[in-house]
Amino acid sequence: MRQQQQQHGFAAKLSTGFVLALLFTYQKLATTSFTLLNCVPVGNRSVLFVQGTIECYQVHLLLISSCINENN
């Protein structure tokens, strides 16, 4: 009986740790994605904040944004 309780306690701790790791990973991925897709106005055009030579709202950026929004 005691061994069964110990196994149940270990499984609960393991699953809790897995869920917490998953949540921290998701938070980091979401933050990084929104940072990379942050658009700022420069002159008369809108460009990515981290790479000022790439214009926003191009097809590939719209596809990435829609995938992120679909998953949230």
PDB file of N, CA and C in Angstrom:
ATOM      1  N   MET A   1       0.822  -1.194   0.000  1.00  0.00           N
ATOM      2  CA  MET A   1       0.000   0.000   0.000  1.00  0.00           C
ATOM      3  C   MET A   1       0.871   1.266   0.000  1.00  0.00           C
ATOM      4  N   ARG A   2       1.912   1.247   0.839  1.00  0.00           N
ATOM      5  CA  ARG A   2       2.779   2.418   0.946  1.00  0.00           C
ATOM      6  C   ARG A   2       3.538   2.653  -0.358  1.00  0.00           C
ATOM      7  N   GLN A   3       3.984   1.586  -1.014  1.00  0.00           N
ATOM      8  CA  GLN A   3       4.720   1.729  -2.269  1.00  0.00           C
ATOM      9  C   GLN A   3       3.811   2.313  -3.352  1.00  0.00           C
ATOM     10  N   GLN A   4       2.551   1.939  -3.339  1.00  0.00           N
ATOM     11  CA  GLN A   4       1.600   2.466  -4.320  1.00  0.00           C
ATOM     12  C   GLN A   4       1.401   3.972  -4.098  1.00  0.00           C
ATOM     13  N   GLN A   5       1.356   4.403  -2.845  1.00  0.00           N
ATOM     14  CA  GLN A   5       1.211   5.827  -2.549  1.00  0.00           C
ATOM     15  C   GLN A   5       2.454   6.599  -3.000  1.00  0.00           C
ATOM     16  N   GLN A   6       3.630   6.006  -2.804  1.00  0.00           N
ATOM     17  CA  GLN A   6       4.863   6.662  -3.224  1.00  0.00           C
ATOM     18  C   GLN A   6       4.909   6.807  -4.744  1.00  0.00           C
ATOM     19  N   GLN A   7       4.461   5.790  -5.461  1.00  0.00           N
ATOM     20  CA  GLN A   7       4.452   5.853  -6.921  1.00  0.00           C
ATOM     21  C   GLN A   7       3.464   6.910  -7.396  1.00  0.00           C
ATOM     22  N   HIS A   8       2.309   6.983  -6.734  1.00  0.00           N
ATOM     23  CA  HIS A   8       1.310   7.993  -7.108  1.00  0.00           C
ATOM     24  C   HIS A   8       1.860   9.392  -6.851  1.00  0.00           C
ATOM     25  N   GLY A   9       2.553   9.587  -5.720  1.00  0.00           N
ATOM     26  CA  GLY A   9       3.150  10.894  -5.409  1.00  0.00           C
ATOM     27  C   GLY A   9       4.215  11.278  -6.418  1.00  0.00           C
ATOM     28  N   PHE A  10       5.023  10.307  -6.822  1.00  0.00           N
ATOM     29  CA  PHE A  10       6.057  10.579  -7.814  1.00  0.00           C
ATOM     30  C   PHE A  10       5.440  10.949  -9.158  1.00  0.00           C
ATOM     31  N   ALA A  11       4.397  10.218  -9.573  1.00  0.00           N
ATOM     32  CA  ALA A  11       3.735  10.510 -10.850  1.00  0.00           C
ATOM     33  C   ALA A  11       3.111  11.903 -10.828  1.00  0.00           C
ATOM     34  N   ALA A  12       2.540  12.298  -9.702  1.00  0.00           N
ATOM     35  CA  ALA A  12       1.938  13.626  -9.590  1.00  0.00           C
ATOM     36  C   ALA A  12       3.012  14.708  -9.688  1.00  0.00           C
ATOM     37  N   LYS A  13       4.134  14.500  -9.022  1.00  0.00           N
ATOM     38  CA  LYS A  13       5.222  15.472  -9.085  1.00  0.00           C
ATOM     39  C   LYS A  13       5.811  15.550 -10.485  1.00  0.00           C
ATOM     40  N   LEU A  14       5.947  14.412 -11.120  1.00  0.00           N
ATOM     41  CA  LEU A  14       6.494  14.381 -12.472  1.00  0.00           C
ATOM     42  C   LEU A  14       5.570  15.091 -13.458  1.00  0.00           C
ATOM     43  N   SER A  15       4.284  14.837 -13.371  1.00  0.00           N
ATOM     44  CA  SER A  15       3.342  15.485 -14.293  1.00  0.00           C
ATOM     45  C   SER A  15       3.249  16.980 -14.015  1.00  0.00           C
ATOM     46  N   THR A  16       3.331  17.380 -12.745  1.00  0.00           N
ATOM     47  CA  THR A  16       3.324  18.805 -12.409  1.00  0.00           C
ATOM     48  C   THR A  16       4.554  19.497 -12.974  1.00  0.00           C
ATOM     49  N   GLY A  17       5.705  18.862 -12.848  1.00  0.00           N
ATOM     50  CA  GLY A  17       6.934  19.426 -13.404  1.00  0.00           C
ATOM     51  C   GLY A  17       6.873  19.543 -14.916  1.00  0.00           C
ATOM     52  N   PHE A  18       6.298  18.545 -15.564  1.00  0.00           N
ATOM     53  CA  PHE A  18       6.172  18.579 -17.020  1.00  0.00           C
ATOM     54  C   PHE A  18       5.268  19.725 -17.460  1.00  0.00           C
ATOM     55  N   VAL A  19       4.147  19.906 -16.787  1.00  0.00           N
ATOM     56  CA  VAL A  19       3.213  20.974 -17.152  1.00  0.00           C
ATOM     57  C   VAL A  19       3.861  22.342 -16.928  1.00  0.00           C
ATOM     58  N   LEU A  20       4.570  22.502 -15.822  1.00  0.00           N
ATOM     59  CA  LEU A  20       5.245  23.778 -15.564  1.00  0.00           C
ATOM     60  C   LEU A  20       6.312  24.072 -16.618  1.00  0.00           C
ATOM     61  N   ALA A  21       7.088  23.059 -16.985  1.00  0.00           N
ATOM     62  CA  ALA A  21       8.099  23.250 -18.029  1.00  0.00           C
ATOM     63  C   ALA A  21       7.438  23.629 -19.348  1.00  0.00           C
ATOM     64  N   LEU A  22       6.322  23.002 -19.668  1.00  0.00           N
ATOM     65  CA  LEU A  22       5.591  23.316 -20.890  1.00  0.00           C
ATOM     66  C   LEU A  22       5.074  24.749 -20.872  1.00  0.00           C
ATOM     67  N   LEU A  23       4.553  25.203 -19.742  1.00  0.00           N
ATOM     68  CA  LEU A  23       4.049  26.573 -19.640  1.00  0.00           C
ATOM     69  C   LEU A  23       5.167  27.602 -19.756  1.00  0.00           C
ATOM     70  N   PHE A  24       6.306  27.351 -19.117  1.00  0.00           N
ATOM     71  CA  PHE A  24       7.426  28.289 -19.227  1.00  0.00           C
ATOM     72  C   PHE A  24       7.948  28.347 -20.663  1.00  0.00           C
ATOM     73  N   THR A  25       8.001  27.203 -21.332  1.00  0.00           N
ATOM     74  CA  THR A  25       8.451  27.164 -22.721  1.00  0.00           C
ATOM     75  C   THR A  25       7.486  27.921 -23.620  1.00  0.00           C
ATOM     76  N   TYR A  26       6.185  27.713 -23.422  1.00  0.00           N
ATOM     77  CA  TYR A  26       5.177  28.409 -24.224  1.00  0.00           C
ATOM     78  C   TYR A  26       5.293  29.921 -24.027  1.00  0.00           C
ATOM     79  N   GLN A  27       5.474  30.352 -22.791  1.00  0.00           N
ATOM     80  CA  GLN A  27       5.582  31.781 -22.500  1.00  0.00           C
ATOM     81  C   GLN A  27       6.783  32.380 -23.213  1.00  0.00           C
ATOM     82  N   LYS A  28       7.903  31.689 -23.179  1.00  0.00           N
ATOM     83  CA  LYS A  28       9.116  32.195 -23.830  1.00  0.00           C
ATOM     84  C   LYS A  28       8.935  32.242 -25.357  1.00  0.00           C
ATOM     85  N   LEU A  29       8.329  31.204 -25.926  1.00  0.00           N
ATOM     86  CA  LEU A  29       8.097  31.188 -27.368  1.00  0.00           C
ATOM     87  C   LEU A  29       7.140  32.293 -27.801  1.00  0.00           C
ATOM     88  N   ALA A  30       6.085  32.511 -27.029  1.00  0.00           N
ATOM     89  CA  ALA A  30       5.118  33.556 -27.373  1.00  0.00           C
ATOM     90  C   ALA A  30       5.764  34.940 -27.287  1.00  0.00           C
ATOM     91  N   THR A  31       6.525  35.184 -26.224  1.00  0.00           N
ATOM     92  CA  THR A  31       7.191  36.471 -26.068  1.00  0.00           C
ATOM     93  C   THR A  31       8.179  36.720 -27.204  1.00  0.00           C
ATOM     94  N   THR A  32       8.962  35.724 -27.537  1.00  0.00           N
ATOM     95  CA  THR A  32       9.938  35.863 -28.618  1.00  0.00           C
ATOM     96  C   THR A  32       9.249  36.093 -29.956  1.00  0.00           C
ATOM     97  N   SER A  33       8.163  35.370 -30.215  1.00  0.00           N
ATOM     98  CA  SER A  33       7.436  35.528 -31.481  1.00  0.00           C
ATOM     99  C   SER A  33       6.888  36.936 -31.634  1.00  0.00           C
ATOM    100  N   PHE A  34       6.278  37.459 -30.580  1.00  0.00           N
ATOM    101  CA  PHE A  34       5.722  38.804 -30.679  1.00  0.00           C
ATOM    102  C   PHE A  34       6.811  39.866 -30.757  1.00  0.00           C
ATOM    103  N   THR A  35       7.946  39.616 -30.134  1.00  0.00           N
ATOM    104  CA  THR A  35       9.070  40.552 -30.249  1.00  0.00           C
ATOM    105  C   THR A  35       9.594  40.589 -31.679  1.00  0.00           C
ATOM    106  N   LEU A  36       9.718  39.420 -32.295  1.00  0.00           N
ATOM    107  CA  LEU A  36      10.238  39.360 -33.664  1.00  0.00           C
ATOM    108  C   LEU A  36       9.259  39.936 -34.680  1.00  0.00           C
ATOM    109  N   LEU A  37       7.966  39.877 -34.395  1.00  0.00           N
ATOM    110  CA  LEU A  37       6.964  40.367 -35.340  1.00  0.00           C
ATOM    111  C   LEU A  37       6.479  41.779 -35.021  1.00  0.00           C
ATOM    112  N   ASN A  38       7.188  42.487 -34.157  1.00  0.00           N
ATOM    113  CA  ASN A  38       6.812  43.847 -33.782  1.00  0.00           C
ATOM    114  C   ASN A  38       7.148  44.810 -34.916  1.00  0.00           C
ATOM    115  N   CYS A  39       6.143  45.485 -35.430  1.00  0.00           N
ATOM    116  CA  CYS A  39       6.322  46.433 -36.531  1.00  0.00           C
ATOM    117  C   CYS A  39       6.329  47.865 -35.994  1.00  0.00           C
ATOM    118  N   VAL A  40       7.220  48.681 -36.549  1.00  0.00           N
ATOM    119  CA  VAL A  40       7.311  50.092 -36.167  1.00  0.00           C
ATOM    120  C   VAL A  40       7.335  50.950 -37.428  1.00  0.00           C
ATOM    121  N   PRO A  41       6.765  52.142 -37.349  1.00  0.00           N
ATOM    122  CA  PRO A  41       6.802  53.035 -38.513  1.00  0.00           C
ATOM    123  C   PRO A  41       8.163  53.723 -38.630  1.00  0.00           C
ATOM    124  N   VAL A  42       8.703  53.704 -39.838  1.00  0.00           N
ATOM    125  CA  VAL A  42       9.944  54.410 -40.141  1.00  0.00           C
ATOM    126  C   VAL A  42       9.689  55.178 -41.429  1.00  0.00           C
ATOM    127  N   GLY A  43       9.609  56.475 -41.289  1.00  0.00           N
ATOM    128  CA  GLY A  43       9.271  57.292 -42.457  1.00  0.00           C
ATOM    129  C   GLY A  43       7.850  56.999 -42.900  1.00  0.00           C
ATOM    130  N   ASN A  44       7.709  56.628 -44.158  1.00  0.00           N
ATOM    131  CA  ASN A  44       6.374  56.351 -44.694  1.00  0.00           C
ATOM    132  C   ASN A  44       6.097  54.848 -44.841  1.00  0.00           C
ATOM    133  N   ARG A  45       6.898  54.007 -44.201  1.00  0.00           N
ATOM    134  CA  ARG A  45       6.665  52.568 -44.284  1.00  0.00           C
ATOM    135  C   ARG A  45       6.791  51.933 -42.909  1.00  0.00           C
ATOM    136  N   SER A  46       6.303  50.721 -42.796  1.00  0.00           N
ATOM    137  CA  SER A  46       6.333  49.982 -41.545  1.00  0.00           C
ATOM    138  C   SER A  46       7.322  48.829 -41.683  1.00  0.00           C
ATOM    139  N   VAL A  47       8.273  48.734 -40.745  1.00  0.00           N
ATOM    140  CA  VAL A  47       9.311  47.704 -40.809  1.00  0.00           C
ATOM    141  C   VAL A  47       9.362  46.938 -39.492  1.00  0.00           C
ATOM    142  N   LEU A  48      10.022  45.775 -39.543  1.00  0.00           N
ATOM    143  CA  LEU A  48      10.212  45.006 -38.316  1.00  0.00           C
ATOM    144  C   LEU A  48      11.169  45.739 -37.392  1.00  0.00           C
ATOM    145  N   PHE A  49      10.878  45.716 -36.108  1.00  0.00           N
ATOM    146  CA  PHE A  49      11.708  46.417 -35.130  1.00  0.00           C
ATOM    147  C   PHE A  49      13.120  45.843 -35.065  1.00  0.00           C
ATOM    148  N   VAL A  50      13.241  44.494 -35.108  1.00  0.00           N
ATOM    149  CA  VAL A  50      14.551  43.866 -34.958  1.00  0.00           C
ATOM    150  C   VAL A  50      15.362  43.848 -36.247  1.00  0.00           C
ATOM    151  N   GLN A  51      14.701  44.025 -37.389  1.00  0.00           N
ATOM    152  CA  GLN A  51      15.395  44.041 -38.685  1.00  0.00           C
ATOM    153  C   GLN A  51      14.739  45.112 -39.546  1.00  0.00           C
ATOM    154  N   GLY A  52      15.275  46.299 -39.483  1.00  0.00           N
ATOM    155  CA  GLY A  52      14.655  47.453 -40.121  1.00  0.00           C
ATOM    156  C   GLY A  52      14.611  47.435 -41.631  1.00  0.00           C
ATOM    157  N   THR A  53      15.211  46.435 -42.272  1.00  0.00           N
ATOM    158  CA  THR A  53      15.175  46.380 -43.730  1.00  0.00           C
ATOM    159  C   THR A  53      14.014  45.541 -44.255  1.00  0.00           C
ATOM    160  N   ILE A  54      13.309  44.849 -43.392  1.00  0.00           N
ATOM    161  CA  ILE A  54      12.191  43.993 -43.812  1.00  0.00           C
ATOM    162  C   ILE A  54      10.883  44.716 -43.539  1.00  0.00           C
ATOM    163  N   GLU A  55      10.116  44.941 -44.605  1.00  0.00           N
ATOM    164  CA  GLU A  55       8.829  45.619 -44.457  1.00  0.00           C
ATOM    165  C   GLU A  55       7.800  44.677 -43.855  1.00  0.00           C
ATOM    166  N   CYS A  56       6.925  45.255 -43.054  1.00  0.00           N
ATOM    167  CA  CYS A  56       5.855  44.471 -42.435  1.00  0.00           C
ATOM    168  C   CYS A  56       4.729  44.201 -43.435  1.00  0.00           C
ATOM    169  N   TYR A  57       3.892  43.288 -43.065  1.00  0.00           N
ATOM    170  CA  TYR A  57       2.689  42.938 -43.811  1.00  0.00           C
ATOM    171  C   TYR A  57       2.997  42.337 -45.176  1.00  0.00           C
ATOM    172  N   GLN A  58       4.138  41.686 -45.307  1.00  0.00           N
ATOM    173  CA  GLN A  58       4.419  40.898 -46.494  1.00  0.00           C
ATOM    174  C   GLN A  58       3.757  39.540 -46.310  1.00  0.00           C
ATOM    175  N   VAL A  59       3.618  38.788 -47.364  1.00  0.00           N
ATOM    176  CA  VAL A  59       2.857  37.536 -47.344  1.00  0.00           C
ATOM    177  C   VAL A  59       3.404  36.559 -46.302  1.00  0.00           C
ATOM    178  N   HIS A  60       4.716  36.365 -46.270  1.00  0.00           N
ATOM    179  CA  HIS A  60       5.270  35.385 -45.333  1.00  0.00           C
ATOM    180  C   HIS A  60       5.066  35.817 -43.881  1.00  0.00           C
ATOM    181  N   LEU A  61       5.092  37.112 -43.598  1.00  0.00           N
ATOM    182  CA  LEU A  61       4.849  37.582 -42.243  1.00  0.00           C
ATOM    183  C   LEU A  61       3.390  37.419 -41.858  1.00  0.00           C
ATOM    184  N   LEU A  62       2.494  37.628 -42.799  1.00  0.00           N
ATOM    185  CA  LEU A  62       1.070  37.440 -42.524  1.00  0.00           C
ATOM    186  C   LEU A  62       0.758  35.970 -42.241  1.00  0.00           C
ATOM    187  N   LEU A  63       1.405  35.071 -42.955  1.00  0.00           N
ATOM    188  CA  LEU A  63       1.201  33.650 -42.707  1.00  0.00           C
ATOM    189  C   LEU A  63       1.699  33.254 -41.319  1.00  0.00           C
ATOM    190  N   ILE A  64       2.851  33.747 -40.944  1.00  0.00           N
ATOM    191  CA  ILE A  64       3.388  33.452 -39.606  1.00  0.00           C
ATOM    192  C   ILE A  64       2.474  34.022 -38.529  1.00  0.00           C
ATOM    193  N   SER A  65       2.015  35.253 -38.720  1.00  0.00           N
ATOM    194  CA  SER A  65       1.125  35.878 -37.742  1.00  0.00           C
ATOM    195  C   SER A  65      -0.181  35.113 -37.606  1.00  0.00           C
ATOM    196  N   SER A  66      -0.725  34.657 -38.711  1.00  0.00           N
ATOM    197  CA  SER A  66      -1.987  33.924 -38.644  1.00  0.00           C
ATOM    198  C   SER A  66      -1.804  32.586 -37.946  1.00  0.00           C
ATOM    199  N   CYS A  67      -0.666  31.941 -38.142  1.00  0.00           N
ATOM    200  CA  CYS A  67      -0.401  30.687 -37.440  1.00  0.00           C
ATOM    201  C   CYS A  67      -0.286  30.899 -35.944  1.00  0.00           C
ATOM    202  N   ILE A  68       0.357  31.981 -35.535  1.00  0.00           N
ATOM    203  CA  ILE A  68       0.494  32.282 -34.110  1.00  0.00           C
ATOM    204  C   ILE A  68      -0.872  32.594 -33.514  1.00  0.00           C
ATOM    205  N   ASN A  69      -1.666  33.406 -34.213  1.00  0.00           N
ATOM    206  CA  ASN A  69      -2.987  33.769 -33.698  1.00  0.00           C
ATOM    207  C   ASN A  69      -3.914  32.566 -33.640  1.00  0.00           C
ATOM    208  N   GLU A  70      -3.787  31.641 -34.545  1.00  0.00           N
ATOM    209  CA  GLU A  70      -4.615  30.450 -34.548  1.00  0.00           C
ATOM    210  C   GLU A  70      -4.323  29.575 -33.340  1.00  0.00           C
ATOM    211  N   ASN A  71      -3.054  29.520 -32.927  1.00  0.00           N
ATOM    212  CA  ASN A  71      -2.664  28.662 -31.819  1.00  0.00           C
ATOM    213  C   ASN A  71      -2.945  29.292 -30.467  1.00  0.00           C
ATOM    214  N   ASN A  72      -3.223  30.580 -30.413  1.00  0.00           N
ATOM    215  CA  ASN A  72      -3.468  31.225 -29.124  1.00  0.00           C
ATOM    216  C   ASN A  72      -4.916  31.243 -28.797  1.00  0.00           C
TER     217      ASN A  72
END
